[in-house]
């Protein structure tokens, strides 16, 4: 089960991948689609969250646009 870490309330747009970057802020990148040229897409910072990441957890942007985390399943 996921646990909310920070309430940010980012409004998501279709066609973008939203993620928590290395600084703990929310960023987005254009999603890859068929027929587009391959290569690195530009990343754009959307909101400052300032989350301190702990190892053993997966950090993501949930449906409400907030930063959440879930325990990683490793070493079964």
PDB file of N, CA and C in Angstrom:
ATOM      1  N   UNK A   1       0.838  -1.183   0.000  1.00  0.00           N
ATOM      2  CA  UNK A   1       0.000   0.000   0.000  1.00  0.00           C
ATOM      3  C   UNK A   1       0.883   1.247   0.000  1.00  0.00           C
ATOM      4  N   UNK A   2       0.462   2.238  -0.739  1.00  0.00           N
ATOM      5  CA  UNK A   2       1.247   3.469  -0.875  1.00  0.00           C
ATOM      6  C   UNK A   2       0.981   4.415   0.295  1.00  0.00           C
ATOM      7  N   UNK A   3       1.985   5.228   0.569  1.00  0.00           N
ATOM      8  CA  UNK A   3       1.917   6.203   1.650  1.00  0.00           C
ATOM      9  C   UNK A   3       2.211   7.579   1.062  1.00  0.00           C
ATOM     10  N   UNK A   4       1.330   8.569   1.350  1.00  0.00           N
ATOM     11  CA  UNK A   4       1.542   9.932   0.848  1.00  0.00           C
ATOM     12  C   UNK A   4       2.704  10.575   1.583  1.00  0.00           C
ATOM     13  N   UNK A   5       3.618  11.194   0.823  1.00  0.00           N
ATOM     14  CA  UNK A   5       4.793  11.836   1.406  1.00  0.00           C
ATOM     15  C   UNK A   5       4.645  13.353   1.396  1.00  0.00           C
ATOM     16  N   UNK A   6       4.154  13.905   0.273  1.00  0.00           N
ATOM     17  CA  UNK A   6       3.994  15.358   0.154  1.00  0.00           C
ATOM     18  C   UNK A   6       2.758  15.676  -0.680  1.00  0.00           C
ATOM     19  N   UNK A   7       1.974  16.647  -0.225  1.00  0.00           N
ATOM     20  CA  UNK A   7       0.803  17.091  -0.982  1.00  0.00           C
ATOM     21  C   UNK A   7       1.224  18.249  -1.878  1.00  0.00           C
ATOM     22  N   UNK A   8       1.117  18.037  -3.190  1.00  0.00           N
ATOM     23  CA  UNK A   8       1.533  19.051  -4.151  1.00  0.00           C
ATOM     24  C   UNK A   8       0.346  19.467  -5.024  1.00  0.00           C
ATOM     25  N   UNK A   9      -0.457  18.513  -5.459  1.00  0.00           N
ATOM     26  CA  UNK A   9      -1.646  18.806  -6.264  1.00  0.00           C
ATOM     27  C   UNK A   9      -1.355  19.221  -7.686  1.00  0.00           C
ATOM     28  N   UNK A  10      -0.420  18.530  -8.346  1.00  0.00           N
ATOM     29  CA  UNK A  10      -0.063  18.833  -9.737  1.00  0.00           C
ATOM     30  C   UNK A  10      -1.182  18.353 -10.663  1.00  0.00           C
ATOM     31  N   UNK A  11      -1.597  19.206 -11.589  1.00  0.00           N
ATOM     32  CA  UNK A  11      -2.591  18.828 -12.601  1.00  0.00           C
ATOM     33  C   UNK A  11      -1.841  18.168 -13.756  1.00  0.00           C
ATOM     34  N   UNK A  12      -2.168  16.898 -14.042  1.00  0.00           N
ATOM     35  CA  UNK A  12      -1.467  16.154 -15.086  1.00  0.00           C
ATOM     36  C   UNK A  12      -2.093  16.423 -16.452  1.00  0.00           C
ATOM     37  N   UNK A  13      -1.230  16.505 -17.478  1.00  0.00           N
ATOM     38  CA  UNK A  13      -1.673  16.653 -18.864  1.00  0.00           C
ATOM     39  C   UNK A  13      -1.419  15.339 -19.594  1.00  0.00           C
ATOM     40  N   UNK A  14      -2.263  15.015 -20.545  1.00  0.00           N
ATOM     41  CA  UNK A  14      -2.098  13.797 -21.337  1.00  0.00           C
ATOM     42  C   UNK A  14      -0.845  13.917 -22.195  1.00  0.00           C
ATOM     43  N   UNK A  15      -0.145  12.802 -22.393  1.00  0.00           N
ATOM     44  CA  UNK A  15       1.034  12.776 -23.249  1.00  0.00           C
ATOM     45  C   UNK A  15       2.339  13.030 -22.521  1.00  0.00           C
ATOM     46  N   UNK A  16       2.293  13.202 -21.199  1.00  0.00           N
ATOM     47  CA  UNK A  16       3.497  13.433 -20.402  1.00  0.00           C
ATOM     48  C   UNK A  16       3.648  12.354 -19.334  1.00  0.00           C
ATOM     49  N   UNK A  17       4.896  12.028 -19.033  1.00  0.00           N
ATOM     50  CA  UNK A  17       5.225  11.105 -17.957  1.00  0.00           C
ATOM     51  C   UNK A  17       5.692  11.945 -16.771  1.00  0.00           C
ATOM     52  N   UNK A  18       5.016  11.826 -15.637  1.00  0.00           N
ATOM     53  CA  UNK A  18       5.358  12.579 -14.437  1.00  0.00           C
ATOM     54  C   UNK A  18       6.141  11.682 -13.486  1.00  0.00           C
ATOM     55  N   UNK A  19       7.220  12.219 -12.885  1.00  0.00           N
ATOM     56  CA  UNK A  19       8.078  11.430 -12.006  1.00  0.00           C
ATOM     57  C   UNK A  19       8.729  12.318 -10.956  1.00  0.00           C
ATOM     58  N   UNK A  20       9.287  11.679  -9.918  1.00  0.00           N
ATOM     59  CA  UNK A  20      10.013  12.390  -8.866  1.00  0.00           C
ATOM     60  C   UNK A  20      11.481  12.338  -9.243  1.00  0.00           C
ATOM     61  N   UNK A  21      12.104  13.498  -9.450  1.00  0.00           N
ATOM     62  CA  UNK A  21      13.498  13.547  -9.898  1.00  0.00           C
ATOM     63  C   UNK A  21      14.471  13.374  -8.726  1.00  0.00           C
ATOM     64  N   UNK A  22      15.765  13.463  -9.016  1.00  0.00           N
ATOM     65  CA  UNK A  22      16.802  13.219  -8.009  1.00  0.00           C
ATOM     66  C   UNK A  22      16.776  14.236  -6.873  1.00  0.00           C
ATOM     67  N   UNK A  23      16.286  15.431  -7.140  1.00  0.00           N
ATOM     68  CA  UNK A  23      16.217  16.467  -6.105  1.00  0.00           C
ATOM     69  C   UNK A  23      14.967  16.325  -5.233  1.00  0.00           C
ATOM     70  N   UNK A  24      14.079  15.389  -5.577  1.00  0.00           N
ATOM     71  CA  UNK A  24      12.854  15.192  -4.814  1.00  0.00           C
ATOM     72  C   UNK A  24      11.708  16.074  -5.270  1.00  0.00           C
ATOM     73  N   UNK A  25      11.834  16.669  -6.454  1.00  0.00           N
ATOM     74  CA  UNK A  25      10.790  17.516  -7.020  1.00  0.00           C
ATOM     75  C   UNK A  25      10.059  16.760  -8.121  1.00  0.00           C
ATOM     76  N   UNK A  26       8.902  17.284  -8.556  1.00  0.00           N
ATOM     77  CA  UNK A  26       8.128  16.640  -9.613  1.00  0.00           C
ATOM     78  C   UNK A  26       8.552  17.217 -10.963  1.00  0.00           C
ATOM     79  N   UNK A  27       8.890  16.318 -11.886  1.00  0.00           N
ATOM     80  CA  UNK A  27       9.266  16.705 -13.251  1.00  0.00           C
ATOM     81  C   UNK A  27       8.410  15.926 -14.229  1.00  0.00           C
ATOM     82  N   UNK A  28       8.475  16.341 -15.495  1.00  0.00           N
ATOM     83  CA  UNK A  28       7.741  15.619 -16.533  1.00  0.00           C
ATOM     84  C   UNK A  28       8.566  15.561 -17.806  1.00  0.00           C
ATOM     85  N   UNK A  29       8.265  14.552 -18.631  1.00  0.00           N
ATOM     86  CA  UNK A  29       8.910  14.375 -19.929  1.00  0.00           C
ATOM     87  C   UNK A  29       7.847  13.907 -20.915  1.00  0.00           C
ATOM     88  N   UNK A  30       8.036  14.227 -22.182  1.00  0.00           N
ATOM     89  CA  UNK A  30       7.093  13.807 -23.221  1.00  0.00           C
ATOM     90  C   UNK A  30       7.193  12.304 -23.387  1.00  0.00           C
ATOM     91  N   UNK A  31       6.039  11.627 -23.439  1.00  0.00           N
ATOM     92  CA  UNK A  31       6.021  10.166 -23.597  1.00  0.00           C
ATOM     93  C   UNK A  31       6.431   9.770 -25.005  1.00  0.00           C
ATOM     94  N   UNK A  32       7.106   8.644 -25.101  1.00  0.00           N
ATOM     95  CA  UNK A  32       7.512   8.110 -26.402  1.00  0.00           C
ATOM     96  C   UNK A  32       6.279   7.546 -27.109  1.00  0.00           C
ATOM     97  N   UNK A  33       6.172   7.810 -28.378  1.00  0.00           N
ATOM     98  CA  UNK A  33       5.051   7.313 -29.193  1.00  0.00           C
ATOM     99  C   UNK A  33       5.594   6.724 -30.487  1.00  0.00           C
ATOM    100  N   UNK A  34       4.797   5.852 -31.104  1.00  0.00           N
ATOM    101  CA  UNK A  34       5.190   5.226 -32.358  1.00  0.00           C
ATOM    102  C   UNK A  34       5.301   6.283 -33.449  1.00  0.00           C
ATOM    103  N   UNK A  35       6.346   6.194 -34.258  1.00  0.00           N
ATOM    104  CA  UNK A  35       6.523   7.112 -35.365  1.00  0.00           C
ATOM    105  C   UNK A  35       7.360   8.335 -35.036  1.00  0.00           C
ATOM    106  N   UNK A  36       7.572   8.603 -33.763  1.00  0.00           N
ATOM    107  CA  UNK A  36       8.420   9.739 -33.380  1.00  0.00           C
ATOM    108  C   UNK A  36       9.873   9.335 -33.415  1.00  0.00           C
ATOM    109  N   UNK A  37      10.717  10.342 -33.577  1.00  0.00           N
ATOM    110  CA  UNK A  37      12.138  10.027 -33.632  1.00  0.00           C
ATOM    111  C   UNK A  37      12.649   9.685 -32.232  1.00  0.00           C
ATOM    112  N   UNK A  38      13.567   8.754 -32.160  1.00  0.00           N
ATOM    113  CA  UNK A  38      14.112   8.300 -30.890  1.00  0.00           C
ATOM    114  C   UNK A  38      15.177   9.267 -30.393  1.00  0.00           C
ATOM    115  N   UNK A  39      15.352   9.298 -29.110  1.00  0.00           N
ATOM    116  CA  UNK A  39      16.341  10.173 -28.512  1.00  0.00           C
ATOM    117  C   UNK A  39      15.900  10.619 -27.137  1.00  0.00           C
ATOM    118  N   UNK A  40      16.753  11.361 -26.488  1.00  0.00           N
ATOM    119  CA  UNK A  40      16.426  11.831 -25.146  1.00  0.00           C
ATOM    120  C   UNK A  40      15.383  12.945 -25.232  1.00  0.00           C
ATOM    121  N   UNK A  41      14.360  12.824 -24.401  1.00  0.00           N
ATOM    122  CA  UNK A  41      13.356  13.886 -24.361  1.00  0.00           C
ATOM    123  C   UNK A  41      13.749  14.906 -23.301  1.00  0.00           C
ATOM    124  N   UNK A  42      13.283  16.114 -23.463  1.00  0.00           N
ATOM    125  CA  UNK A  42      13.608  17.174 -22.521  1.00  0.00           C
ATOM    126  C   UNK A  42      12.785  17.007 -21.253  1.00  0.00           C
ATOM    127  N   UNK A  43      13.445  17.174 -20.114  1.00  0.00           N
ATOM    128  CA  UNK A  43      12.761  17.103 -18.829  1.00  0.00           C
ATOM    129  C   UNK A  43      12.445  18.520 -18.382  1.00  0.00           C
ATOM    130  N   UNK A  44      11.292  18.669 -17.763  1.00  0.00           N
ATOM    131  CA  UNK A  44      10.834  19.983 -17.332  1.00  0.00           C
ATOM    132  C   UNK A  44      10.339  19.878 -15.891  1.00  0.00           C
ATOM    133  N   UNK A  45      10.858  20.725 -14.998  1.00  0.00           N
ATOM    134  CA  UNK A  45      10.445  20.714 -13.599  1.00  0.00           C
ATOM    135  C   UNK A  45       9.075  21.371 -13.491  1.00  0.00           C
ATOM    136  N   UNK A  46       8.143  20.666 -12.837  1.00  0.00           N
ATOM    137  CA  UNK A  46       6.767  21.129 -12.747  1.00  0.00           C
ATOM    138  C   UNK A  46       6.488  21.775 -11.387  1.00  0.00           C
ATOM    139  N   UNK A  47       6.938  21.119 -10.300  1.00  0.00           N
ATOM    140  CA  UNK A  47       6.660  21.641  -8.959  1.00  0.00           C
ATOM    141  C   UNK A  47       7.775  21.253  -8.003  1.00  0.00           C
ATOM    142  N   UNK A  48       8.001  22.103  -7.014  1.00  0.00           N
ATOM    143  CA  UNK A  48       8.996  21.800  -5.980  1.00  0.00           C
ATOM    144  C   UNK A  48       8.304  21.064  -4.845  1.00  0.00           C
ATOM    145  N   UNK A  49       8.843  19.893  -4.487  1.00  0.00           N
ATOM    146  CA  UNK A  49       8.294  19.127  -3.373  1.00  0.00           C
ATOM    147  C   UNK A  49       9.349  18.968  -2.275  1.00  0.00           C
ATOM    148  N   UNK A  50      10.629  18.875  -2.678  1.00  0.00           N
ATOM    149  CA  UNK A  50      11.717  18.776  -1.714  1.00  0.00           C
ATOM    150  C   UNK A  50      11.682  17.522  -0.864  1.00  0.00           C
ATOM    151  N   UNK A  51      11.307  16.393  -1.460  1.00  0.00           N
ATOM    152  CA  UNK A  51      11.204  15.128  -0.736  1.00  0.00           C
ATOM    153  C   UNK A  51      12.590  14.512  -0.562  1.00  0.00           C
ATOM    154  N   UNK A  52      12.913  14.095   0.643  1.00  0.00           N
ATOM    155  CA  UNK A  52      14.156  13.358   0.910  1.00  0.00           C
ATOM    156  C   UNK A  52      13.855  11.878   0.699  1.00  0.00           C
ATOM    157  N   UNK A  53      14.527  11.264  -0.275  1.00  0.00           N
ATOM    158  CA  UNK A  53      14.265   9.869  -0.615  1.00  0.00           C
ATOM    159  C   UNK A  53      15.020   8.921   0.307  1.00  0.00           C
ATOM    160  N   UNK A  54      14.355   7.851   0.732  1.00  0.00           N
ATOM    161  CA  UNK A  54      14.971   6.779   1.517  1.00  0.00           C
ATOM    162  C   UNK A  54      15.153   5.582   0.602  1.00  0.00           C
ATOM    163  N   UNK A  55      16.219   4.820   0.826  1.00  0.00           N
ATOM    164  CA  UNK A  55      16.419   3.622   0.007  1.00  0.00           C
ATOM    165  C   UNK A  55      15.400   2.563   0.412  1.00  0.00           C
ATOM    166  N   UNK A  56      15.041   1.720  -0.546  1.00  0.00           N
ATOM    167  CA  UNK A  56      14.059   0.671  -0.305  1.00  0.00           C
ATOM    168  C   UNK A  56      12.637   1.075  -0.628  1.00  0.00           C
ATOM    169  N   UNK A  57      12.437   2.313  -1.111  1.00  0.00           N
ATOM    170  CA  UNK A  57      11.108   2.793  -1.465  1.00  0.00           C
ATOM    171  C   UNK A  57      11.082   3.288  -2.898  1.00  0.00           C
ATOM    172  N   UNK A  58       9.927   3.123  -3.545  1.00  0.00           N
ATOM    173  CA  UNK A  58       9.686   3.628  -4.893  1.00  0.00           C
ATOM    174  C   UNK A  58       8.829   4.885  -4.758  1.00  0.00           C
ATOM    175  N   UNK A  59       9.318   6.018  -5.247  1.00  0.00           N
ATOM    176  CA  UNK A  59       8.606   7.285  -5.168  1.00  0.00           C
ATOM    177  C   UNK A  59       7.950   7.577  -6.507  1.00  0.00           C
ATOM    178  N   UNK A  60       6.673   8.034  -6.467  1.00  0.00           N
ATOM    179  CA  UNK A  60       5.925   8.290  -7.693  1.00  0.00           C
ATOM    180  C   UNK A  60       4.901   9.397  -7.462  1.00  0.00           C
ATOM    181  N   UNK A  61       4.329   9.898  -8.574  1.00  0.00           N
ATOM    182  CA  UNK A  61       3.270  10.904  -8.518  1.00  0.00           C
ATOM    183  C   UNK A  61       1.944  10.160  -8.657  1.00  0.00           C
ATOM    184  N   UNK A  62       1.088  10.263  -7.634  1.00  0.00           N
ATOM    185  CA  UNK A  62      -0.173   9.513  -7.643  1.00  0.00           C
ATOM    186  C   UNK A  62      -1.262  10.232  -8.446  1.00  0.00           C
ATOM    187  N   UNK A  63      -2.472   9.671  -8.440  1.00  0.00           N
ATOM    188  CA  UNK A  63      -3.570  10.204  -9.255  1.00  0.00           C
ATOM    189  C   UNK A  63      -3.995  11.608  -8.841  1.00  0.00           C
ATOM    190  N   UNK A  64      -3.794  11.956  -7.579  1.00  0.00           N
ATOM    191  CA  UNK A  64      -4.157  13.289  -7.108  1.00  0.00           C
ATOM    192  C   UNK A  64      -3.065  14.327  -7.387  1.00  0.00           C
ATOM    193  N   UNK A  65      -1.922  13.899  -7.926  1.00  0.00           N
ATOM    194  CA  UNK A  65      -0.826  14.805  -8.230  1.00  0.00           C
ATOM    195  C   UNK A  65       0.090  15.038  -7.054  1.00  0.00           C
ATOM    196  N   UNK A  66       0.031  14.152  -6.057  1.00  0.00           N
ATOM    197  CA  UNK A  66       0.879  14.246  -4.875  1.00  0.00           C
ATOM    198  C   UNK A  66       2.004  13.217  -4.958  1.00  0.00           C
ATOM    199  N   UNK A  67       3.047  13.390  -4.136  1.00  0.00           N
ATOM    200  CA  UNK A  67       4.162  12.446  -4.111  1.00  0.00           C
ATOM    201  C   UNK A  67       3.837  11.348  -3.098  1.00  0.00           C
ATOM    202  N   UNK A  68       3.899  10.100  -3.556  1.00  0.00           N
ATOM    203  CA  UNK A  68       3.667   8.947  -2.699  1.00  0.00           C
ATOM    204  C   UNK A  68       4.840   7.992  -2.797  1.00  0.00           C
ATOM    205  N   UNK A  69       4.889   7.035  -1.863  1.00  0.00           N
ATOM    206  CA  UNK A  69       5.944   6.030  -1.911  1.00  0.00           C
ATOM    207  C   UNK A  69       5.373   4.672  -1.543  1.00  0.00           C
ATOM    208  N   UNK A  70       6.021   3.627  -2.067  1.00  0.00           N
ATOM    209  CA  UNK A  70       5.639   2.254  -1.771  1.00  0.00           C
ATOM    210  C   UNK A  70       6.898   1.449  -1.524  1.00  0.00           C
ATOM    211  N   UNK A  71       6.826   0.505  -0.613  1.00  0.00           N
ATOM    212  CA  UNK A  71       7.976  -0.341  -0.289  1.00  0.00           C
ATOM    213  C   UNK A  71       8.280  -1.218  -1.506  1.00  0.00           C
ATOM    214  N   UNK A  72       9.573  -1.284  -1.882  1.00  0.00           N
ATOM    215  CA  UNK A  72       9.979  -2.111  -3.026  1.00  0.00           C
ATOM    216  C   UNK A  72      10.020  -3.574  -2.612  1.00  0.00           C
ATOM    217  N   UNK A  73       9.532  -4.430  -3.482  1.00  0.00           N
ATOM    218  CA  UNK A  73       9.567  -5.867  -3.246  1.00  0.00           C
ATOM    219  C   UNK A  73      10.877  -6.410  -3.825  1.00  0.00           C
ATOM    220  N   UNK A  74      11.813  -6.752  -2.941  1.00  0.00           N
ATOM    221  CA  UNK A  74      13.103  -7.252  -3.376  1.00  0.00           C
ATOM    222  C   UNK A  74      13.523  -8.460  -2.562  1.00  0.00           C
ATOM    223  N   UNK A  75      14.322  -9.327  -3.174  1.00  0.00           N
ATOM    224  CA  UNK A  75      14.913 -10.462  -2.465  1.00  0.00           C
ATOM    225  C   UNK A  75      13.941 -11.504  -2.003  1.00  0.00           C
ATOM    226  N   UNK A  76      13.049 -11.918  -2.889  1.00  0.00           N
ATOM    227  CA  UNK A  76      12.070 -12.943  -2.516  1.00  0.00           C
ATOM    228  C   UNK A  76      12.675 -14.305  -2.480  1.00  0.00           C
TER     229      UNK A  76
END
